[in-house]
Amino acid sequence: MIELKYWHGLSFKFLIFGMVQYIILTSIAMIFYSGGTLADPLNQGYHFWGNLFSDLGRIIAISGEPNTISFILFTITALIFAFSFIPFLLALPKFFTGGNLRYKLILIGTGFGLLSIASLLGTILTPWDRFHNLHLMFSNLFNIMGSLVVLFYAVAILYNEDYPNLYAYIYVIILIFGVVYTFTLLLLPKVVSVEVITVQATMQKISQYSFISCFIIQGYGALSLEKIKSKY
């Protein structure tokens, strides 16, 4: 049986692994995407600035062709991505004991985190081409819950003298990106055009890769603190 302190360390490593494998496997899935964008169904292959990540998880691509390899790769990597957050969320509160307010904040953030992962799993398991409205509902819930996680974690870290404020500032930056992304989507014309889809896809890529970078850093930070604490 793995001792608790080693389990914590593994959970932070698993988070980093989850983020890195997602970047690698979604990149491979892009190679096998069967083509088409919302603005140009005849487009060949995956257009980085014209396709969304959800397009990779389509059973049938926008072009009308089967999207089997891309669908399988995306589903597998997205599930690993989602599950890699759970041990991190459960292990992180150990750094916030001894302070009533900060511990409550981190527990609330963890609660929202588990809800956000449930929403993310719903997003993954409802391919856009088969469950359009349900897919969008789960996606929106994930974004809302994820923003609350980032907010509560940032405040909890700021109240924790033993946790470097740098990691709170990183959360704040990601939260700002999320707000900008949301408002950009709200302000975009409700039409399907090359310009609108390009803006949407570009903003999603920036938001997604920023989010991933944030949690690679958060996983590394928690792992570093765990190593320091394990020495005492």
Protein backbone atom coordinates (compact mmCIF):
# COMPACT_ATOMS: atom_id res chain seq x y z
CA MET A 1 0.00 0.00 0.00
CA ILE A 2 1.36 3.43 -0.96
CA GLU A 3 1.98 5.71 1.99
CA LEU A 4 -0.12 8.86 2.01
CA LYS A 5 2.83 11.20 1.42
CA TYR A 6 3.87 9.23 -1.67
CA TRP A 7 0.28 9.20 -2.92
CA HIS A 8 0.22 12.99 -2.75
CA GLY A 9 3.43 13.25 -4.74
CA LEU A 10 2.12 10.84 -7.37
CA SER A 11 -1.10 12.82 -7.68
CA PHE A 12 0.83 15.97 -8.59
CA LYS A 13 2.94 14.06 -11.10
CA PHE A 14 -0.20 12.54 -12.61
CA LEU A 15 -1.65 16.01 -13.13
CA ILE A 16 1.45 17.08 -15.05
CA PHE A 17 1.33 13.86 -17.08
CA GLY A 18 -2.34 14.45 -17.84
CA MET A 19 -1.64 17.90 -19.23
CA VAL A 20 1.37 16.87 -21.32
CA GLN A 21 -0.22 13.76 -22.83
CA TYR A 22 -3.24 15.86 -23.83
CA ILE A 23 -1.06 18.24 -25.84
CA ILE A 24 0.71 15.34 -27.56
CA LEU A 25 -2.31 13.15 -28.34
CA THR A 26 -4.60 15.97 -29.47
CA SER A 27 -1.82 17.04 -31.84
CA ILE A 28 -1.76 13.51 -33.26
CA ALA A 29 -5.57 13.47 -33.42
CA MET A 30 -5.41 16.66 -35.50
CA ILE A 31 -3.34 14.79 -38.10
CA PHE A 32 -6.05 12.14 -38.46
CA TYR A 33 -9.05 14.51 -38.43
CA SER A 34 -11.21 13.79 -41.48
CA GLY A 35 -11.67 17.39 -42.56
CA GLY A 36 -14.09 20.26 -42.62
CA THR A 37 -14.70 23.38 -40.57
CA LEU A 38 -18.01 25.01 -39.71
CA ALA A 39 -17.17 27.79 -42.17
CA ASP A 40 -15.75 25.49 -44.87
CA PRO A 41 -17.00 21.87 -44.81
CA LEU A 42 -14.75 21.07 -47.77
CA ASN A 43 -11.55 22.07 -45.98
CA GLN A 44 -8.96 19.29 -46.02
CA GLY A 45 -7.66 18.02 -42.68
CA TYR A 46 -7.61 19.93 -39.40
CA HIS A 47 -7.32 23.71 -39.68
CA PHE A 48 -5.63 24.84 -36.44
CA TRP A 49 -7.20 28.30 -36.57
CA GLY A 50 -10.52 27.13 -37.99
CA ASN A 51 -11.39 23.96 -36.08
CA LEU A 52 -12.32 23.59 -32.42
CA PHE A 53 -11.06 20.88 -30.06
CA SER A 54 -14.59 19.46 -30.02
CA ASP A 55 -14.25 18.74 -33.75
CA LEU A 56 -11.63 16.12 -32.89
CA GLY A 57 -14.22 14.29 -30.81
CA ARG A 58 -16.80 14.08 -33.60
CA ILE A 59 -17.79 10.60 -34.70
CA ILE A 60 -18.43 11.97 -38.18
CA ALA A 61 -16.27 14.93 -39.24
CA ILE A 62 -17.81 18.10 -40.62
CA SER A 63 -16.74 16.93 -44.07
CA GLY A 64 -19.18 14.02 -43.70
CA GLU A 65 -16.38 11.44 -43.51
CA PRO A 66 -15.95 8.98 -40.60
CA ASN A 67 -13.62 10.44 -37.97
CA THR A 68 -12.80 7.20 -36.17
CA ILE A 69 -9.08 7.54 -35.39
CA SER A 70 -9.32 11.18 -34.32
CA PHE A 71 -12.43 10.40 -32.25
CA ILE A 72 -10.74 7.51 -30.42
CA LEU A 73 -7.50 9.41 -29.76
CA PHE A 74 -9.32 12.50 -28.56
CA THR A 75 -11.69 10.57 -26.30
CA ILE A 76 -8.85 8.63 -24.66
CA THR A 77 -6.61 11.64 -24.10
CA ALA A 78 -9.49 13.83 -22.90
CA LEU A 79 -10.57 11.18 -20.36
CA ILE A 80 -7.01 10.90 -19.02
CA PHE A 81 -6.88 14.70 -18.92
CA ALA A 82 -10.11 14.85 -16.90
CA PHE A 83 -9.21 12.08 -14.44
CA SER A 84 -5.73 13.53 -13.82
CA PHE A 85 -7.35 16.44 -11.98
CA ILE A 86 -9.14 14.30 -9.39
CA PRO A 87 -6.12 13.17 -7.30
CA PHE A 88 -4.73 16.73 -7.47
CA LEU A 89 -8.00 18.18 -6.18
CA LEU A 90 -8.13 15.67 -3.33
CA ALA A 91 -4.47 16.05 -2.35
CA LEU A 92 -4.14 19.85 -2.46
CA PRO A 93 -6.12 20.63 0.77
CA LYS A 94 -3.30 19.09 2.84
CA PHE A 95 -1.32 22.32 2.33
CA PHE A 96 -4.11 24.46 3.81
CA THR A 97 -4.77 22.87 7.18
CA GLY A 98 -4.22 24.99 10.28
CA GLY A 99 -6.15 28.00 9.00
CA ASN A 100 -9.94 27.94 9.22
CA LEU A 101 -10.68 30.41 6.39
CA ARG A 102 -8.10 29.19 3.91
CA TYR A 103 -9.08 25.55 4.56
CA LYS A 104 -12.75 26.33 3.94
CA LEU A 105 -11.85 28.19 0.75
CA ILE A 106 -9.76 25.33 -0.60
CA LEU A 107 -12.48 22.81 0.24
CA ILE A 108 -15.10 24.91 -1.56
CA GLY A 109 -12.74 25.18 -4.53
CA THR A 110 -12.21 21.42 -4.47
CA GLY A 111 -15.98 20.86 -4.41
CA PHE A 112 -16.40 23.04 -7.48
CA GLY A 113 -13.44 21.22 -9.00
CA LEU A 114 -15.12 17.83 -8.71
CA LEU A 115 -18.29 19.28 -10.23
CA SER A 116 -16.24 20.76 -13.07
CA ILE A 117 -14.64 17.35 -13.76
CA ALA A 118 -18.09 15.74 -13.86
CA SER A 119 -19.10 18.42 -16.40
CA LEU A 120 -15.93 17.81 -18.40
CA LEU A 121 -16.66 14.08 -18.53
CA GLY A 122 -20.14 14.94 -19.75
CA THR A 123 -18.61 17.10 -22.47
CA ILE A 124 -16.25 14.33 -23.59
CA LEU A 125 -18.90 11.61 -23.63
CA THR A 126 -21.41 13.64 -25.67
CA PRO A 127 -19.80 14.11 -29.11
CA TRP A 128 -20.73 17.45 -30.63
CA ASP A 129 -22.15 15.98 -33.83
CA ARG A 130 -24.50 13.63 -31.95
CA PHE A 131 -25.43 15.59 -28.81
CA HIS A 132 -24.97 19.23 -29.82
CA ASN A 133 -27.06 21.00 -27.14
CA LEU A 134 -26.06 18.58 -24.37
CA HIS A 135 -22.41 18.91 -25.33
CA LEU A 136 -22.62 22.70 -25.17
CA MET A 137 -24.43 22.57 -21.82
CA PHE A 138 -21.72 20.40 -20.24
CA SER A 139 -19.01 22.56 -21.81
CA ASN A 140 -20.51 25.75 -20.38
CA LEU A 141 -20.90 24.14 -16.96
CA PHE A 142 -17.26 23.08 -17.05
CA ASN A 143 -16.14 26.62 -17.87
CA ILE A 144 -18.27 28.12 -15.08
CA MET A 145 -17.23 25.58 -12.44
CA GLY A 146 -13.60 25.75 -13.57
CA SER A 147 -13.59 29.53 -13.15
CA LEU A 148 -14.92 29.16 -9.59
CA VAL A 149 -12.17 26.62 -8.82
CA VAL A 150 -9.49 29.01 -10.01
CA LEU A 151 -11.02 31.90 -8.04
CA PHE A 152 -11.29 30.01 -4.72
CA TYR A 153 -7.85 28.44 -5.10
CA ALA A 154 -6.26 31.81 -5.81
CA VAL A 155 -7.81 33.41 -2.72
CA ALA A 156 -6.94 30.40 -0.53
CA ILE A 157 -3.29 30.59 -1.61
CA LEU A 158 -3.17 34.32 -0.86
CA TYR A 159 -4.37 33.51 2.68
CA ASN A 160 -1.72 30.81 3.07
CA GLU A 161 1.68 32.16 4.14
CA ASP A 162 3.31 28.80 3.43
CA TYR A 163 2.16 28.66 -0.21
CA PRO A 164 3.98 31.02 -2.63
CA ASN A 165 1.71 33.81 -3.91
CA LEU A 166 3.13 33.28 -7.39
CA TYR A 167 0.73 30.39 -7.89
CA ALA A 168 -2.23 32.56 -6.94
CA TYR A 169 -1.17 35.17 -9.49
CA ILE A 170 -1.01 32.48 -12.17
CA TYR A 171 -4.57 31.46 -11.31
CA VAL A 172 -5.65 35.10 -11.58
CA ILE A 173 -4.07 35.42 -15.04
CA ILE A 174 -5.93 32.31 -16.22
CA LEU A 175 -9.16 33.67 -14.75
CA ILE A 176 -8.68 36.91 -16.72
CA PHE A 177 -8.08 34.89 -19.91
CA GLY A 178 -11.28 33.00 -19.22
CA VAL A 179 -13.29 36.19 -18.76
CA VAL A 180 -11.87 37.69 -21.96
CA TYR A 181 -12.63 34.47 -23.86
CA THR A 182 -16.22 34.40 -22.56
CA PHE A 183 -16.91 38.02 -23.43
CA THR A 184 -15.34 37.56 -26.87
CA LEU A 185 -17.74 34.70 -27.59
CA LEU A 186 -20.70 36.76 -26.37
CA LEU A 187 -19.74 39.70 -28.59
CA LEU A 188 -19.16 37.65 -31.73
CA PRO A 189 -21.91 37.89 -34.38
CA LYS A 190 -24.23 34.88 -34.29
CA VAL A 191 -23.34 33.86 -37.82
CA VAL A 192 -21.12 31.18 -39.31
CA SER A 193 -18.33 32.82 -41.26
CA VAL A 194 -14.60 32.32 -41.73
CA GLU A 195 -13.85 35.41 -39.64
CA VAL A 196 -16.11 34.45 -36.73
CA ILE A 197 -14.94 30.82 -36.62
CA THR A 198 -11.29 31.91 -36.84
CA VAL A 199 -11.68 34.24 -33.85
CA GLN A 200 -13.52 31.57 -31.87
CA ALA A 201 -10.99 28.83 -32.67
CA THR A 202 -8.02 31.12 -31.99
CA MET A 203 -9.40 32.26 -28.64
CA GLN A 204 -10.16 28.67 -27.67
CA LYS A 205 -6.60 27.56 -28.49
CA ILE A 206 -5.11 30.42 -26.44
CA SER A 207 -7.47 29.73 -23.53
CA GLN A 208 -6.95 25.96 -23.60
CA TYR A 209 -3.17 26.00 -23.83
CA SER A 210 -2.97 28.71 -21.17
CA PHE A 211 -5.16 26.57 -18.91
CA ILE A 212 -2.93 23.55 -19.50
CA SER A 213 0.23 25.59 -18.84
CA CYS A 214 -1.31 26.89 -15.63
CA PHE A 215 -1.94 23.43 -14.24
CA ILE A 216 1.45 22.10 -15.30
CA ILE A 217 2.89 24.92 -13.20
CA GLN A 218 0.43 24.24 -10.37
CA GLY A 219 1.29 20.55 -10.39
CA TYR A 220 5.00 21.34 -10.33
CA GLY A 221 4.51 23.86 -7.50
CA ALA A 222 2.54 21.41 -5.37
CA LEU A 223 5.11 18.67 -6.05
CA SER A 224 7.94 21.01 -4.99
CA LEU A 225 6.14 21.89 -1.75
CA GLU A 226 5.46 18.20 -1.12
CA LYS A 227 9.18 17.39 -1.48
CA ILE A 228 10.06 20.18 0.97
CA LYS A 229 7.48 19.01 3.54
CA SER A 230 8.52 15.38 3.21
CA LYS A 231 11.99 16.32 4.49
CA TYR A 232 10.57 17.37 7.86
